[in-house]
């Protein structure tokens, strides 16, 4: 009986979410109306008229540098939490933090040696 009640509550919440979602998607169109115009349908790029097709290929190096920044930024947040609790962690915490920093350093050296931090193409003239 308990499982049936739990399933009913989950089903009720799913139905409520679906109703709210449909309402939020439908309400602006119903209240504001929809009057398509050519200039409103054009892509918007920071107030500048688009200069080329939006499906232009972006070099993979851009993504590599962006992901590297994101990874090291998240790891910096972990190091901040480690630094806050530094005195309470003891020797085990210091060794664990040092191993973590060493792994970060090895990853950075590997990425640097592979050329992931430079914007120039490799020796063959191709992008990564």
C-alpha atoms as a PDB file:
ATOM      1  CA  UNK A   1       0.000   0.000   0.000  1.00  0.00           C
ATOM      2  CA  UNK A   2       2.879   2.337   0.835  1.00  0.00           C
ATOM      3  CA  UNK A   3       4.436   1.785  -2.619  1.00  0.00           C
ATOM      4  CA  UNK A   4       1.150   2.628  -4.307  1.00  0.00           C
ATOM      5  CA  UNK A   5       0.860   5.878  -2.358  1.00  0.00           C
ATOM      6  CA  UNK A   6       4.465   6.811  -3.213  1.00  0.00           C
ATOM      7  CA  UNK A   7       3.843   6.109  -6.888  1.00  0.00           C
ATOM      8  CA  UNK A   8       0.663   8.195  -6.768  1.00  0.00           C
ATOM      9  CA  UNK A   9       2.538  11.141  -5.235  1.00  0.00           C
ATOM     10  CA  UNK A  10       5.292  10.894  -7.868  1.00  0.00           C
ATOM     11  CA  UNK A  11       2.685  10.642 -10.627  1.00  0.00           C
ATOM     12  CA  UNK A  12       0.822  13.651  -9.235  1.00  0.00           C
ATOM     13  CA  UNK A  13       4.015  15.729  -9.158  1.00  0.00           C
ATOM     14  CA  UNK A  14       4.877  14.645 -12.725  1.00  0.00           C
ATOM     15  CA  UNK A  15       1.404  15.690 -13.884  1.00  0.00           C
ATOM     16  CA  UNK A  16       1.709  19.012 -12.042  1.00  0.00           C
ATOM     17  CA  UNK A  17       5.116  19.662 -13.640  1.00  0.00           C
ATOM     18  CA  UNK A  18       3.739  18.866 -17.102  1.00  0.00           C
ATOM     19  CA  UNK A  19       0.768  21.211 -16.599  1.00  0.00           C
ATOM     20  CA  UNK A  20       2.999  24.048 -15.347  1.00  0.00           C
ATOM     21  CA  UNK A  21       5.461  23.521 -18.199  1.00  0.00           C
ATOM     22  CA  UNK A  22       2.775  23.544 -20.872  1.00  0.00           C
ATOM     23  CA  UNK A  23       1.175  26.571 -19.238  1.00  0.00           C
ATOM     24  CA  UNK A  24       4.447  28.492 -19.145  1.00  0.00           C
ATOM     25  CA  UNK A  25       5.078  27.732 -22.806  1.00  0.00           C
ATOM     26  CA  UNK A  26       1.533  28.538 -23.901  1.00  0.00           C
ATOM     27  CA  UNK A  27       0.776  31.586 -21.743  1.00  0.00           C
ATOM     28  CA  UNK A  28       3.139  34.129 -23.401  1.00  0.00           C
ATOM     29  CA  UNK A  29       1.880  33.280 -26.870  1.00  0.00           C
ATOM     30  CA  UNK A  30      -1.736  33.551 -25.733  1.00  0.00           C
ATOM     31  CA  UNK A  31      -1.261  36.840 -23.860  1.00  0.00           C
ATOM     32  CA  UNK A  32       1.178  38.549 -26.218  1.00  0.00           C
ATOM     33  CA  UNK A  33       0.086  37.150 -29.538  1.00  0.00           C
ATOM     34  CA  UNK A  34       2.422  36.161 -32.320  1.00  0.00           C
ATOM     35  CA  UNK A  35       3.116  38.580 -35.149  1.00  0.00           C
ATOM     36  CA  UNK A  36       6.060  37.311 -37.191  1.00  0.00           C
ATOM     37  CA  UNK A  37       8.179  39.912 -38.977  1.00  0.00           C
ATOM     38  CA  UNK A  38      11.264  39.448 -41.116  1.00  0.00           C
ATOM     39  CA  UNK A  39      13.620  41.426 -38.889  1.00  0.00           C
ATOM     40  CA  UNK A  40      12.389  39.670 -35.741  1.00  0.00           C
ATOM     41  CA  UNK A  41      13.104  36.259 -37.256  1.00  0.00           C
ATOM     42  CA  UNK A  42      16.749  37.077 -38.091  1.00  0.00           C
ATOM     43  CA  UNK A  43      19.569  35.770 -35.874  1.00  0.00           C
ATOM     44  CA  UNK A  44      20.808  38.260 -33.304  1.00  0.00           C
ATOM     45  CA  UNK A  45      24.547  38.560 -32.627  1.00  0.00           C
ATOM     46  CA  UNK A  46      25.148  41.215 -29.978  1.00  0.00           C
ATOM     47  CA  UNK A  47      23.446  43.950 -31.966  1.00  0.00           C
ATOM     48  CA  UNK A  48      25.654  43.398 -35.006  1.00  0.00           C
ATOM     49  CA  UNK A  49      24.165  42.106 -38.257  1.00  0.00           C
ATOM     50  CA  UNK A  50      25.376  38.553 -38.910  1.00  0.00           C
ATOM     51  CA  UNK A  51      28.370  38.420 -41.237  1.00  0.00           C
ATOM     52  CA  UNK A  52      28.331  34.713 -42.106  1.00  0.00           C
ATOM     53  CA  UNK A  53      26.385  31.502 -41.647  1.00  0.00           C
ATOM     54  CA  UNK A  54      25.838  30.453 -38.029  1.00  0.00           C
ATOM     55  CA  UNK A  55      27.008  26.911 -38.850  1.00  0.00           C
ATOM     56  CA  UNK A  56      30.655  27.901 -39.310  1.00  0.00           C
ATOM     57  CA  UNK A  57      33.212  25.357 -38.094  1.00  0.00           C
ATOM     58  CA  UNK A  58      35.057  26.355 -34.951  1.00  0.00           C
ATOM     59  CA  UNK A  59      38.560  24.938 -34.402  1.00  0.00           C
ATOM     60  CA  UNK A  60      38.838  22.232 -31.766  1.00  0.00           C
ATOM     61  CA  UNK A  61      41.564  24.201 -29.973  1.00  0.00           C
ATOM     62  CA  UNK A  62      38.918  26.640 -28.780  1.00  0.00           C
ATOM     63  CA  UNK A  63      37.078  23.821 -27.018  1.00  0.00           C
ATOM     64  CA  UNK A  64      40.283  22.323 -25.604  1.00  0.00           C
ATOM     65  CA  UNK A  65      41.308  25.629 -24.020  1.00  0.00           C
ATOM     66  CA  UNK A  66      37.766  26.270 -22.764  1.00  0.00           C
ATOM     67  CA  UNK A  67      37.490  22.806 -21.182  1.00  0.00           C
ATOM     68  CA  UNK A  68      40.956  23.167 -19.663  1.00  0.00           C
ATOM     69  CA  UNK A  69      39.938  26.451 -18.085  1.00  0.00           C
ATOM     70  CA  UNK A  70      36.740  24.908 -16.766  1.00  0.00           C
ATOM     71  CA  UNK A  71      38.514  21.873 -15.311  1.00  0.00           C
ATOM     72  CA  UNK A  72      41.214  23.929 -13.596  1.00  0.00           C
ATOM     73  CA  UNK A  73      38.604  26.382 -12.314  1.00  0.00           C
ATOM     74  CA  UNK A  74      36.602  23.583 -10.693  1.00  0.00           C
ATOM     75  CA  UNK A  75      39.776  22.129  -9.233  1.00  0.00           C
ATOM     76  CA  UNK A  76      40.609  25.537  -7.769  1.00  0.00           C
ATOM     77  CA  UNK A  77      37.266  25.410  -5.955  1.00  0.00           C
ATOM     78  CA  UNK A  78      38.280  22.040  -4.474  1.00  0.00           C
ATOM     79  CA  UNK A  79      41.592  23.513  -3.381  1.00  0.00           C
ATOM     80  CA  UNK A  80      39.785  26.410  -1.709  1.00  0.00           C
ATOM     81  CA  UNK A  81      37.755  23.992   0.411  1.00  0.00           C
ATOM     82  CA  UNK A  82      40.952  22.091   1.222  1.00  0.00           C
ATOM     83  CA  UNK A  83      42.706  25.318   2.275  1.00  0.00           C
ATOM     84  CA  UNK A  84      39.829  26.289   4.562  1.00  0.00           C
ATOM     85  CA  UNK A  85      40.058  22.976   6.435  1.00  0.00           C
ATOM     86  CA  UNK A  86      43.870  22.751   6.215  1.00  0.00           C
ATOM     87  CA  UNK A  87      44.602  22.737   9.960  1.00  0.00           C
ATOM     88  CA  UNK A  88      41.898  20.194  10.805  1.00  0.00           C
ATOM     89  CA  UNK A  89      42.932  17.662   8.142  1.00  0.00           C
ATOM     90  CA  UNK A  90      46.234  16.647   9.682  1.00  0.00           C
ATOM     91  CA  UNK A  91      49.001  14.782   7.879  1.00  0.00           C
ATOM     92  CA  UNK A  92      46.581  12.663   5.843  1.00  0.00           C
ATOM     93  CA  UNK A  93      44.888  15.773   4.460  1.00  0.00           C
ATOM     94  CA  UNK A  94      48.195  17.406   3.593  1.00  0.00           C
ATOM     95  CA  UNK A  95      49.367  14.296   1.741  1.00  0.00           C
ATOM     96  CA  UNK A  96      46.025  14.005  -0.067  1.00  0.00           C
ATOM     97  CA  UNK A  97      46.093  17.684  -1.091  1.00  0.00           C
ATOM     98  CA  UNK A  98      49.707  17.361  -2.241  1.00  0.00           C
ATOM     99  CA  UNK A  99      48.838  14.329  -4.379  1.00  0.00           C
ATOM    100  CA  UNK A 100      45.899  16.250  -5.838  1.00  0.00           C
ATOM    101  CA  UNK A 101      48.141  19.223  -6.717  1.00  0.00           C
ATOM    102  CA  UNK A 102      50.735  16.844  -8.203  1.00  0.00           C
ATOM    103  CA  UNK A 103      48.075  15.238 -10.419  1.00  0.00           C
ATOM    104  CA  UNK A 104      46.970  18.718 -11.538  1.00  0.00           C
ATOM    105  CA  UNK A 105      50.551  19.667 -12.310  1.00  0.00           C
ATOM    106  CA  UNK A 106      51.110  16.485 -14.331  1.00  0.00           C
ATOM    107  CA  UNK A 107      47.898  17.127 -16.290  1.00  0.00           C
ATOM    108  CA  UNK A 108      48.966  20.691 -17.011  1.00  0.00           C
ATOM    109  CA  UNK A 109      52.417  19.577 -18.152  1.00  0.00           C
ATOM    110  CA  UNK A 110      50.860  16.913 -20.395  1.00  0.00           C
ATOM    111  CA  UNK A 111      48.481  19.422 -21.956  1.00  0.00           C
ATOM    112  CA  UNK A 112      51.287  21.947 -22.420  1.00  0.00           C
ATOM    113  CA  UNK A 113      53.555  19.369 -24.110  1.00  0.00           C
ATOM    114  CA  UNK A 114      50.736  18.276 -26.422  1.00  0.00           C
ATOM    115  CA  UNK A 115      50.223  21.903 -27.495  1.00  0.00           C
ATOM    116  CA  UNK A 116      46.742  22.263 -26.055  1.00  0.00           C
ATOM    117  CA  UNK A 117      47.473  25.701 -24.648  1.00  0.00           C
ATOM    118  CA  UNK A 118      48.722  27.307 -27.879  1.00  0.00           C
ATOM    119  CA  UNK A 119      46.577  28.742 -30.631  1.00  0.00           C
ATOM    120  CA  UNK A 120      48.980  28.033 -33.486  1.00  0.00           C
ATOM    121  CA  UNK A 121      48.462  24.929 -35.653  1.00  0.00           C
ATOM    122  CA  UNK A 122      50.801  21.985 -35.287  1.00  0.00           C
ATOM    123  CA  UNK A 123      53.724  21.260 -37.629  1.00  0.00           C
ATOM    124  CA  UNK A 124      51.497  19.683 -40.272  1.00  0.00           C
ATOM    125  CA  UNK A 125      49.461  22.879 -40.592  1.00  0.00           C
ATOM    126  CA  UNK A 126      46.304  21.214 -39.305  1.00  0.00           C
ATOM    127  CA  UNK A 127      44.349  22.170 -36.263  1.00  0.00           C
ATOM    128  CA  UNK A 128      44.109  19.664 -33.396  1.00  0.00           C
END
